[in-house]
Amino acid sequence: MKNFYPIFLDVAGKRAVVIGGGAVAARKAATLSSAGALVLVISPELHPDLALMVKNGAVAHESRRYQPGDLAGAAVAVAATDNPETNIKAASEARASGVPVNCVRPPDAGDFIVPSSIKRGDLTVAISTGGGCPALSKRIRKDLESILGAEYGEFLEFLEESRGYLKSKVADEKNRQEALTALVESGMVEAFRGNPGAARVRGKAMLEELVARYGR
């Protein structure tokens, strides 16, 4: 089994090419588009979800089969047709050009896999078994979904705002980190689960106390 290097890739404003037009290609294109990539789908046929994305302008589309040269200038590529031979050809072109490629079938033809993930606002938790058992990744994701509720996304949003406020009020970086750590370890995330509005009021009060303790 391969030992993958975990990474979150910034694709905002960059060209991403998806070869294929089925349900899997639709999921891949949607994820790339949501991350801000400029997605081009190349396929003679489109899954209804993909067709809707094209109609809404979320992705571009060329109605034809893959051709050599299609991956020129891409920052990332996905080979997701139902034909393994086509996928291997596209993956080979990508790798020869230094373009990171995810190959749906066979996965070993690509050089990265896409993990199961959970999103709560700006919080993303990724789970991978290294390709050994995707079913276990899905099971772990379901277990974590029951633990990580929407309050984690709301709490992270509050922490991001607090980080900016602390930067304007606390000169010493170490003190800022200690103040932020105090917020994280305060147990306040539970308050965001019950009443986000009240939790923010409590959080801001605590933030002012921390600024008084660590401030200039």
Foldseek 3Di string as FASTA:
>chain_A
DDDDDDDDDQQADFEEEEFAADPVSLVVLVVCLVSRHAYEYEELDHDPSVVVCCVVVSYHYDNDHDDQPPCPRGQAYEYDHPDLVSLLVVLVSCVVVVHQYQYPPPRVSGDDHAFDWDDQAPDIDGDDPPPPDNVVSVVVVVVVPVVDDNLVNLLVVLLVVLLVVCVVWAPDPVLSVVLSVCLVPVPLSVVSVPPVVVSSVVSVVSSVVSSVVRGD
